[in-house]
Amino acid sequence: GFNAVGHLGDAWGLTSAMVFDKARRNGMIFLIGGPAFSPDSNPGKYSSFYRHEERILTVLYRRAIVGDSN
């Protein structure tokens, strides 16, 4: 449901994403500095992302893109 292009970042303690769906004219951005743990120790449950990335992107998608308040 979200056909986006953009950039994912993961370097020197920064985890980030900037993705944009041109057709729907919306997108998501997040920046996290220093998660205080090794992201490799917490892999995602349903994607190749780290678990904290999955959780952030899922909440952003559900709340900001879909508009689900649950």
Protein backbone atom coordinates (compact mmCIF):
# COMPACT_ATOMS: atom_id res chain seq x y z
CA GLY A 1 0.00 0.00 0.00
CA PHE A 2 2.93 2.42 0.23
CA ASN A 3 4.95 2.61 -2.98
CA ALA A 4 7.78 4.93 -1.98
CA VAL A 5 11.25 5.93 -3.05
CA GLY A 6 13.91 7.50 -0.89
CA HIS A 7 16.97 6.75 1.18
CA LEU A 8 17.70 4.62 4.24
CA GLY A 9 20.70 5.55 6.35
CA ASP A 10 22.77 3.50 8.80
CA ALA A 11 26.22 4.81 9.69
CA TRP A 12 28.26 5.92 12.72
CA GLY A 13 25.39 5.58 15.19
CA LEU A 14 22.75 7.15 12.95
CA THR A 15 19.72 5.21 11.74
CA SER A 16 17.43 7.11 9.37
CA ALA A 17 14.88 6.94 6.58
CA MET A 18 13.40 9.45 4.17
CA VAL A 19 10.79 7.92 1.88
CA PHE A 20 8.22 9.59 -0.35
CA ASP A 21 5.20 8.30 -2.28
CA LYS A 22 4.94 10.69 -5.23
CA ALA A 23 1.51 9.48 -6.38
CA ARG A 24 -0.07 10.03 -2.96
CA ARG A 25 2.09 13.08 -2.16
CA ASN A 26 3.09 11.91 1.30
CA GLY A 27 6.06 10.38 3.03
CA MET A 28 7.92 9.57 6.21
CA ILE A 29 11.17 10.76 7.77
CA PHE A 30 12.95 9.64 10.92
CA LEU A 31 16.43 10.17 12.36
CA ILE A 32 17.81 8.34 15.39
CA GLY A 33 21.22 9.02 16.85
CA GLY A 34 22.96 6.44 19.00
CA PRO A 35 20.44 3.74 19.93
CA ALA A 36 22.66 2.77 22.93
CA PHE A 37 22.81 -0.88 21.89
CA SER A 38 24.14 -2.86 18.97
CA PRO A 39 21.35 -2.88 16.37
CA ASP A 40 22.71 -6.23 15.12
CA SER A 41 21.58 -7.75 18.42
CA ASN A 42 17.95 -6.81 17.68
CA PRO A 43 17.00 -7.88 14.13
CA GLY A 44 13.59 -7.20 12.66
CA LYS A 45 10.76 -9.68 12.99
CA TYR A 46 9.30 -9.29 9.49
CA SER A 47 11.86 -7.42 7.38
CA SER A 48 15.57 -6.88 6.86
CA PHE A 49 15.41 -3.74 9.05
CA TYR A 50 16.51 -3.61 12.67
CA ARG A 51 13.62 -4.06 15.11
CA HIS A 52 13.61 -0.39 16.17
CA GLU A 53 13.36 0.67 12.50
CA GLU A 54 10.43 -1.70 11.93
CA ARG A 55 8.59 -0.33 14.95
CA ILE A 56 9.13 3.31 13.99
CA LEU A 57 8.20 2.84 10.32
CA THR A 58 5.14 0.75 11.24
CA VAL A 59 3.82 3.43 13.62
CA LEU A 60 4.54 6.24 11.14
CA TYR A 61 2.79 4.33 8.36
CA ARG A 62 -0.27 3.41 10.44
CA ARG A 63 -0.71 6.81 12.06
CA ALA A 64 0.50 9.28 9.42
CA ILE A 65 -0.13 7.52 6.11
CA VAL A 66 -3.15 5.29 6.79
CA GLY A 67 -4.63 7.43 9.57
CA ASP A 68 -5.25 4.57 12.01
CA SER A 69 -5.46 5.86 15.59
CA ASN A 70 -5.05 2.41 17.19
